[in-house]
Amino acid sequence: MKVLFILFVFLFVIVIAGVFLFKGDKDIVEESPSDLIVPTGIENTVTYGDDGYIPASLTISIGDTVIFQNMSLRSTWPASNAHPTHTLYPGSGIQKCGGGEAIFDACGVVPIGQEWKFIFTEQGTWRYHDHMRPSMQGIIIVE
């Protein structure tokens, strides 16, 4: 009887150890869906003028780039809604500016005649604004 009990405990320990080892391997190979997005090479342009963003709404595909061109008479700062946190687009946020991450936030002004680019890797409807003049807004629809 004592031998049977020891054998049972031994098998129980092996099964539990196997479960933890298998679970650990699974965690290593998991990837985020946005990590798998390959840029399409397609560029779309949104122009910022004195009356706001043109077009006000733009539909693109996942992996497309949007170029925000400043053609107004003042600087602009395109960023994900909501003002002032810029956190609507996944992974974005004004507190991440300067961290080297690709976030939907120019993280500073785009001077007159200059541009800023962003590759959209998340499907959805993404509202954005000019941080300098939050009433100037637009929408990017990623399909």
Protein backbone atom coordinates (compact mmCIF):
# COMPACT_ATOMS: atom_id res chain seq x y z
CA MET A 1 0.00 0.00 0.00
CA LYS A 2 2.85 2.39 0.87
CA VAL A 3 4.50 1.71 -2.53
CA LEU A 4 1.22 2.50 -4.33
CA PHE A 5 0.92 5.81 -2.45
CA ILE A 6 4.51 6.80 -3.35
CA LEU A 7 3.89 5.89 -7.01
CA PHE A 8 0.72 8.02 -7.02
CA VAL A 9 2.54 11.05 -5.53
CA PHE A 10 5.40 10.62 -8.04
CA LEU A 11 2.99 10.57 -11.02
CA PHE A 12 1.07 13.56 -9.63
CA VAL A 13 4.29 15.63 -9.38
CA ILE A 14 5.28 14.71 -12.96
CA VAL A 15 1.87 15.69 -14.35
CA ILE A 16 1.88 19.06 -12.52
CA ALA A 17 5.45 19.81 -13.67
CA GLY A 18 4.48 18.99 -17.27
CA VAL A 19 1.50 21.34 -17.15
CA PHE A 20 3.65 24.26 -15.96
CA LEU A 21 6.37 23.57 -18.52
CA PHE A 22 3.88 23.42 -21.39
CA LYS A 23 2.17 26.62 -20.27
CA GLY A 24 5.52 28.46 -20.15
CA ASP A 25 6.34 27.50 -23.76
CA LYS A 26 3.00 28.86 -24.94
CA ASP A 27 3.66 32.29 -23.38
CA ILE A 28 6.97 32.60 -25.20
CA VAL A 29 5.56 32.24 -28.74
CA GLU A 30 2.46 34.43 -28.46
CA GLU A 31 2.45 37.57 -30.60
CA SER A 32 0.15 40.55 -30.73
CA PRO A 33 -1.95 40.78 -33.93
CA SER A 34 -0.63 44.31 -34.58
CA ASP A 35 2.95 42.92 -34.53
CA LEU A 36 2.03 40.85 -37.59
CA ILE A 37 0.86 43.82 -39.71
CA VAL A 38 3.12 44.54 -42.67
CA PRO A 39 3.05 48.09 -44.05
CA THR A 40 1.30 48.15 -47.45
CA GLY A 41 3.45 50.91 -48.90
CA ILE A 42 0.27 52.82 -49.76
CA GLU A 43 0.33 56.47 -48.71
CA ASN A 44 -2.76 58.61 -48.22
CA THR A 45 -2.64 62.35 -47.65
CA VAL A 46 -4.62 64.51 -45.25
CA THR A 47 -3.99 68.21 -45.70
CA TYR A 48 -4.28 70.61 -42.78
CA GLY A 49 -5.47 74.02 -43.94
CA ASP A 50 -6.71 77.11 -42.16
CA ASP A 51 -10.22 75.56 -42.06
CA GLY A 52 -9.11 72.16 -40.72
CA TYR A 53 -8.32 68.70 -42.09
CA ILE A 54 -9.15 67.77 -45.69
CA PRO A 55 -10.59 65.25 -46.21
CA ALA A 56 -12.41 65.32 -42.88
CA SER A 57 -12.92 61.54 -43.17
CA LEU A 58 -10.57 59.09 -44.88
CA THR A 59 -10.99 55.33 -45.36
CA ILE A 60 -7.81 53.25 -45.65
CA SER A 61 -6.61 49.65 -45.24
CA ILE A 62 -4.64 48.17 -42.34
CA GLY A 63 -0.94 48.88 -42.92
CA ASP A 64 -1.53 52.05 -44.98
CA THR A 65 0.34 55.25 -44.16
CA VAL A 66 -1.38 58.58 -43.68
CA ILE A 67 0.68 61.69 -44.38
CA PHE A 68 -0.54 64.74 -42.48
CA GLN A 69 0.63 67.77 -44.52
CA ASN A 70 0.53 71.21 -42.95
CA MET A 71 -0.59 73.68 -45.62
CA SER A 72 -2.05 76.23 -43.18
CA LEU A 73 -0.63 79.54 -42.01
CA ARG A 74 0.21 78.12 -38.54
CA SER A 75 1.69 75.01 -36.97
CA THR A 76 -0.41 71.92 -36.29
CA TRP A 77 -0.09 68.88 -34.00
CA PRO A 78 -2.15 65.89 -35.23
CA ALA A 79 -2.98 63.37 -32.51
CA SER A 80 -5.47 60.67 -31.61
CA ASN A 81 -8.54 61.78 -29.67
CA ALA A 82 -9.42 62.53 -26.95
CA HIS A 83 -7.84 65.85 -26.12
CA PRO A 84 -5.57 66.27 -24.19
CA THR A 85 -4.60 62.63 -23.47
CA HIS A 86 -4.50 61.26 -27.06
CA THR A 87 -5.36 57.71 -25.92
CA LEU A 88 -8.16 56.65 -28.31
CA TYR A 89 -5.87 54.81 -30.75
CA PRO A 90 -4.52 51.62 -29.08
CA GLY A 91 -1.11 52.08 -27.48
CA SER A 92 -1.13 55.84 -27.95
CA GLY A 93 -0.98 58.55 -25.33
CA ILE A 94 0.66 61.94 -24.95
CA GLN A 95 2.60 60.63 -21.94
CA LYS A 96 4.43 58.25 -24.34
CA CYS A 97 5.83 61.10 -26.45
CA GLY A 98 9.60 60.93 -26.62
CA GLY A 99 9.60 57.21 -25.78
CA GLY A 100 10.47 56.11 -29.32
CA GLU A 101 7.19 54.22 -29.79
CA ALA A 102 5.10 54.50 -32.95
CA ILE A 103 2.00 56.18 -31.53
CA PHE A 104 -0.80 58.12 -33.22
CA ASP A 105 0.55 61.44 -32.00
CA ALA A 106 2.98 63.77 -33.77
CA CYS A 107 4.32 64.57 -30.27
CA GLY A 108 4.95 68.16 -31.24
CA VAL A 109 4.13 70.74 -33.84
CA VAL A 110 4.35 70.12 -37.56
CA PRO A 111 5.65 73.42 -38.94
CA ILE A 112 4.09 75.23 -41.90
CA GLY A 113 4.87 73.34 -45.12
CA GLN A 114 6.05 70.19 -43.28
CA GLU A 115 4.44 66.77 -42.77
CA TRP A 116 4.14 63.90 -40.30
CA LYS A 117 3.43 60.26 -41.20
CA PHE A 118 1.73 57.42 -39.33
CA ILE A 119 1.14 53.76 -40.30
CA PHE A 120 -2.24 52.47 -39.07
CA THR A 121 -2.05 48.89 -37.77
CA GLU A 122 -5.37 48.72 -35.93
CA GLN A 123 -8.77 48.28 -37.58
CA GLY A 124 -11.47 50.70 -36.48
CA THR A 125 -12.73 54.26 -36.68
CA TRP A 126 -10.12 56.59 -35.25
CA ARG A 127 -10.97 60.19 -34.49
CA TYR A 128 -8.15 62.70 -34.22
CA HIS A 129 -7.64 66.41 -33.63
CA ASP A 130 -5.13 69.22 -33.76
CA HIS A 131 -3.70 69.45 -30.24
CA MET A 132 -3.13 73.18 -30.76
CA ARG A 133 -6.79 73.75 -31.80
CA PRO A 134 -8.84 70.75 -30.54
CA SER A 135 -11.96 71.85 -32.44
CA MET A 136 -10.14 70.96 -35.70
CA GLN A 137 -10.89 67.25 -36.05
CA GLY A 138 -10.92 64.39 -38.53
CA ILE A 139 -11.59 60.67 -38.82
CA ILE A 140 -9.49 57.81 -40.18
CA ILE A 141 -11.45 54.62 -40.90
CA VAL A 142 -9.19 51.55 -41.08
CA GLU A 143 -10.73 48.51 -42.78
